Structure formats: structure tokens, C-alpha cells
Amino acid sequence: MRRLLALLVLFIPGVIAAYGIKLMRDALFSEFYPLFLHIGVQFIVGLLFFIAGLGFIGGFIVYRDRKKQKQKGNIK
């Protein structure tokens, strides 16, 4: 159950980052979504989604690695 929860915690930011890449790609190829007021706004929102998703996943991995390293050091 714990691993499933961790997978979901990593899956959701991954989907957000993938959607950010899609928004940036669509902005570069001039596929405009009416939700955004300008194609530049669409690109910036996509970039923010990508950075936020990637940053969360990276932070999760760094936190987990540091936590495991501390546990290894205490055992010795």
C-alpha cells in the first residue's frame, strides 16, 4: 500500500510535467487554446508546469536518497 501511494505521488507531478511539455509544443507550433489569452501566456504556463512537475519529482528523489544515506550511516 505504501509503494502504491508513493507511485501516485510521483505519477501526478509527472502528468503535470508532461502536460506542460504539450502546452509548450503547441505554443511553438501555433496551436492556441482559448483558455489562455495569448500564445506567449500558454508557453509560460507550460514552462511553469514542466518546471514544477520536474522539480517535485527531483526533490522527492533527493529527499529519499538523503534519507537512505542517513540510515546507512547510523547502522555502522
N, C-alpha and C. Protein backbone atom coordinates (compact mmCIF):
# COMPACT_ATOMS: atom_id res chain seq x y z
N MET A 1 0.82 -1.19 0.00
CA MET A 1 0.00 0.00 0.00
C MET A 1 0.87 1.26 0.00
N ARG A 2 1.96 1.19 0.72
CA ARG A 2 2.84 2.35 0.82
C ARG A 2 3.51 2.66 -0.52
N ARG A 3 3.90 1.61 -1.23
CA ARG A 3 4.54 1.80 -2.53
C ARG A 3 3.55 2.35 -3.55
N LEU A 4 2.29 1.93 -3.46
CA LEU A 4 1.27 2.43 -4.35
C LEU A 4 1.04 3.92 -4.13
N LEU A 5 1.03 4.33 -2.88
CA LEU A 5 0.88 5.74 -2.56
C LEU A 5 2.07 6.54 -3.08
N ALA A 6 3.27 6.02 -2.93
CA ALA A 6 4.46 6.71 -3.45
C ALA A 6 4.41 6.80 -4.97
N LEU A 7 3.92 5.77 -5.62
CA LEU A 7 3.78 5.80 -7.07
C LEU A 7 2.78 6.87 -7.50
N LEU A 8 1.68 6.98 -6.80
CA LEU A 8 0.70 8.01 -7.12
C LEU A 8 1.26 9.41 -6.87
N VAL A 9 2.05 9.56 -5.82
CA VAL A 9 2.64 10.86 -5.51
C VAL A 9 3.60 11.28 -6.62
N LEU A 10 4.26 10.33 -7.24
CA LEU A 10 5.17 10.66 -8.35
C LEU A 10 4.45 10.72 -9.69
N PHE A 11 3.33 10.02 -9.83
CA PHE A 11 2.62 9.98 -11.10
C PHE A 11 1.95 11.32 -11.42
N ILE A 12 1.33 11.93 -10.44
CA ILE A 12 0.58 13.17 -10.66
C ILE A 12 1.51 14.31 -11.12
N PRO A 13 2.64 14.58 -10.46
CA PRO A 13 3.54 15.61 -11.00
C PRO A 13 4.12 15.24 -12.36
N GLY A 14 4.28 13.96 -12.63
CA GLY A 14 4.75 13.53 -13.95
C GLY A 14 3.75 13.89 -15.03
N VAL A 15 2.48 13.70 -14.75
CA VAL A 15 1.44 14.08 -15.71
C VAL A 15 1.40 15.59 -15.89
N ILE A 16 1.58 16.33 -14.82
CA ILE A 16 1.60 17.79 -14.92
C ILE A 16 2.79 18.25 -15.77
N ALA A 17 3.95 17.64 -15.58
CA ALA A 17 5.12 18.00 -16.38
C ALA A 17 4.90 17.64 -17.85
N ALA A 18 4.29 16.51 -18.11
CA ALA A 18 4.01 16.11 -19.50
C ALA A 18 3.02 17.07 -20.15
N TYR A 19 2.03 17.51 -19.40
CA TYR A 19 1.07 18.48 -19.94
C TYR A 19 1.75 19.82 -20.22
N GLY A 20 2.72 20.18 -19.36
CA GLY A 20 3.48 21.41 -19.61
C GLY A 20 4.28 21.32 -20.89
N ILE A 21 4.88 20.16 -21.16
CA ILE A 21 5.62 19.97 -22.41
C ILE A 21 4.66 20.09 -23.60
N LYS A 22 3.47 19.53 -23.46
CA LYS A 22 2.48 19.60 -24.54
C LYS A 22 2.06 21.04 -24.80
N LEU A 23 1.84 21.82 -23.73
CA LEU A 23 1.47 23.21 -23.91
C LEU A 23 2.56 24.01 -24.60
N MET A 24 3.82 23.76 -24.22
CA MET A 24 4.93 24.47 -24.86
C MET A 24 5.05 24.08 -26.33
N ARG A 25 4.91 22.79 -26.62
CA ARG A 25 4.99 22.33 -28.01
C ARG A 25 3.88 22.94 -28.85
N ASP A 26 2.67 22.95 -28.30
CA ASP A 26 1.55 23.53 -29.03
C ASP A 26 1.74 25.03 -29.25
N ALA A 27 2.34 25.72 -28.30
CA ALA A 27 2.59 27.15 -28.47
C ALA A 27 3.63 27.38 -29.57
N LEU A 28 4.64 26.52 -29.63
CA LEU A 28 5.66 26.68 -30.68
C LEU A 28 5.10 26.42 -32.07
N PHE A 29 4.14 25.49 -32.17
CA PHE A 29 3.55 25.17 -33.47
C PHE A 29 2.23 25.91 -33.70
N SER A 30 1.99 26.96 -32.94
CA SER A 30 0.84 27.86 -33.10
C SER A 30 -0.51 27.17 -32.97
N GLU A 31 -0.62 26.22 -32.08
CA GLU A 31 -1.92 25.65 -31.74
C GLU A 31 -2.38 26.32 -30.45
N PHE A 32 -3.29 27.26 -30.60
CA PHE A 32 -3.70 28.11 -29.49
C PHE A 32 -4.94 27.55 -28.80
N TYR A 33 -4.91 27.52 -27.47
CA TYR A 33 -6.08 27.12 -26.69
C TYR A 33 -6.77 28.38 -26.19
N PRO A 34 -8.07 28.50 -26.35
CA PRO A 34 -8.79 29.72 -25.96
C PRO A 34 -8.75 30.00 -24.45
N LEU A 35 -8.39 29.01 -23.66
CA LEU A 35 -8.31 29.22 -22.22
C LEU A 35 -7.25 30.28 -21.88
N PHE A 36 -6.18 30.30 -22.65
CA PHE A 36 -5.10 31.26 -22.44
C PHE A 36 -5.35 32.48 -23.33
N LEU A 37 -5.00 33.64 -22.85
CA LEU A 37 -5.30 34.86 -23.57
C LEU A 37 -4.36 35.11 -24.74
N HIS A 38 -3.16 34.60 -24.66
CA HIS A 38 -2.14 34.83 -25.69
C HIS A 38 -1.27 33.59 -25.79
N ILE A 39 -0.67 33.40 -26.95
CA ILE A 39 0.14 32.19 -27.14
C ILE A 39 1.40 32.22 -26.26
N GLY A 40 1.89 33.42 -25.95
CA GLY A 40 3.03 33.54 -25.04
C GLY A 40 2.68 33.13 -23.63
N VAL A 41 1.47 33.46 -23.21
CA VAL A 41 0.99 33.05 -21.89
C VAL A 41 0.89 31.53 -21.83
N GLN A 42 0.42 30.93 -22.91
CA GLN A 42 0.32 29.48 -22.98
C GLN A 42 1.69 28.84 -22.83
N PHE A 43 2.71 29.40 -23.47
CA PHE A 43 4.06 28.85 -23.37
C PHE A 43 4.60 28.98 -21.95
N ILE A 44 4.38 30.14 -21.34
CA ILE A 44 4.89 30.38 -19.98
C ILE A 44 4.20 29.45 -18.97
N VAL A 45 2.90 29.26 -19.11
CA VAL A 45 2.18 28.34 -18.22
C VAL A 45 2.70 26.91 -18.40
N GLY A 46 2.95 26.53 -19.65
CA GLY A 46 3.52 25.21 -19.92
C GLY A 46 4.90 25.05 -19.30
N LEU A 47 5.71 26.09 -19.39
CA LEU A 47 7.05 26.05 -18.80
C LEU A 47 6.97 25.94 -17.28
N LEU A 48 6.05 26.67 -16.68
CA LEU A 48 5.88 26.59 -15.22
C LEU A 48 5.40 25.20 -14.79
N PHE A 49 4.46 24.61 -15.55
CA PHE A 49 4.00 23.26 -15.24
C PHE A 49 5.15 22.27 -15.33
N PHE A 50 5.95 22.40 -16.38
CA PHE A 50 7.08 21.49 -16.57
C PHE A 50 8.10 21.62 -15.43
N ILE A 51 8.46 22.83 -15.10
CA ILE A 51 9.45 23.06 -14.03
C ILE A 51 8.91 22.58 -12.68
N ALA A 52 7.63 22.84 -12.41
CA ALA A 52 7.04 22.42 -11.13
C ALA A 52 7.00 20.89 -11.02
N GLY A 53 6.56 20.23 -12.08
CA GLY A 53 6.49 18.76 -12.04
C GLY A 53 7.86 18.12 -11.92
N LEU A 54 8.79 18.61 -12.72
CA LEU A 54 10.15 18.07 -12.68
C LEU A 54 10.83 18.38 -11.35
N GLY A 55 10.60 19.57 -10.83
CA GLY A 55 11.18 19.93 -9.53
C GLY A 55 10.65 19.08 -8.39
N PHE A 56 9.36 18.77 -8.43
CA PHE A 56 8.79 17.93 -7.38
C PHE A 56 9.36 16.53 -7.44
N ILE A 57 9.44 15.96 -8.63
CA ILE A 57 9.99 14.61 -8.77
C ILE A 57 11.46 14.59 -8.35
N GLY A 58 12.23 15.59 -8.78
CA GLY A 58 13.64 15.66 -8.40
C GLY A 58 13.82 15.83 -6.90
N GLY A 59 13.00 16.68 -6.29
CA GLY A 59 13.07 16.88 -4.85
C GLY A 59 12.71 15.62 -4.07
N PHE A 60 11.73 14.90 -4.57
CA PHE A 60 11.34 13.63 -3.93
C PHE A 60 12.49 12.63 -3.96
N ILE A 61 13.14 12.53 -5.11
CA ILE A 61 14.26 11.58 -5.25
C ILE A 61 15.44 11.99 -4.37
N VAL A 62 15.76 13.27 -4.33
CA VAL A 62 16.87 13.75 -3.49
C VAL A 62 16.56 13.51 -2.02
N TYR A 63 15.33 13.79 -1.60
CA TYR A 63 14.95 13.58 -0.21
C TYR A 63 15.06 12.11 0.17
N ARG A 64 14.59 11.23 -0.72
CA ARG A 64 14.64 9.79 -0.44
C ARG A 64 16.08 9.30 -0.36
N ASP A 65 16.94 9.77 -1.28
CA ASP A 65 18.34 9.35 -1.26
C ASP A 65 19.06 9.84 0.00
N ARG A 66 18.81 11.07 0.39
CA ARG A 66 19.44 11.59 1.61
C ARG A 66 18.96 10.83 2.84
N LYS A 67 17.69 10.49 2.87
CA LYS A 67 17.13 9.75 3.99
C LYS A 67 17.77 8.35 4.08
N LYS A 68 17.93 7.69 2.94
CA LYS A 68 18.55 6.37 2.94
C LYS A 68 20.02 6.45 3.32
N GLN A 69 20.70 7.49 2.92
CA GLN A 69 22.12 7.66 3.26
C GLN A 69 22.29 7.86 4.76
N LYS A 70 21.40 8.61 5.38
CA LYS A 70 21.47 8.79 6.83
C LYS A 70 21.23 7.48 7.56
N GLN A 71 20.30 6.69 7.07
CA GLN A 71 20.02 5.41 7.71
C GLN A 71 21.21 4.47 7.58
N LYS A 72 21.89 4.49 6.45
CA LYS A 72 23.07 3.65 6.27
C LYS A 72 24.17 4.07 7.24
N GLY A 73 24.34 5.38 7.42
CA GLY A 73 25.39 5.87 8.31
C GLY A 73 25.15 5.52 9.76
N ASN A 74 23.92 5.46 10.17
CA ASN A 74 23.60 5.16 11.57
C ASN A 74 23.79 3.68 11.90
N ILE A 75 23.68 2.82 10.93
CA ILE A 75 23.81 1.39 11.16
C ILE A 75 25.26 1.02 11.47
N LYS A 76 26.20 1.65 10.83
CA LYS A 76 27.63 1.33 11.03
C LYS A 76 28.04 1.70 12.37
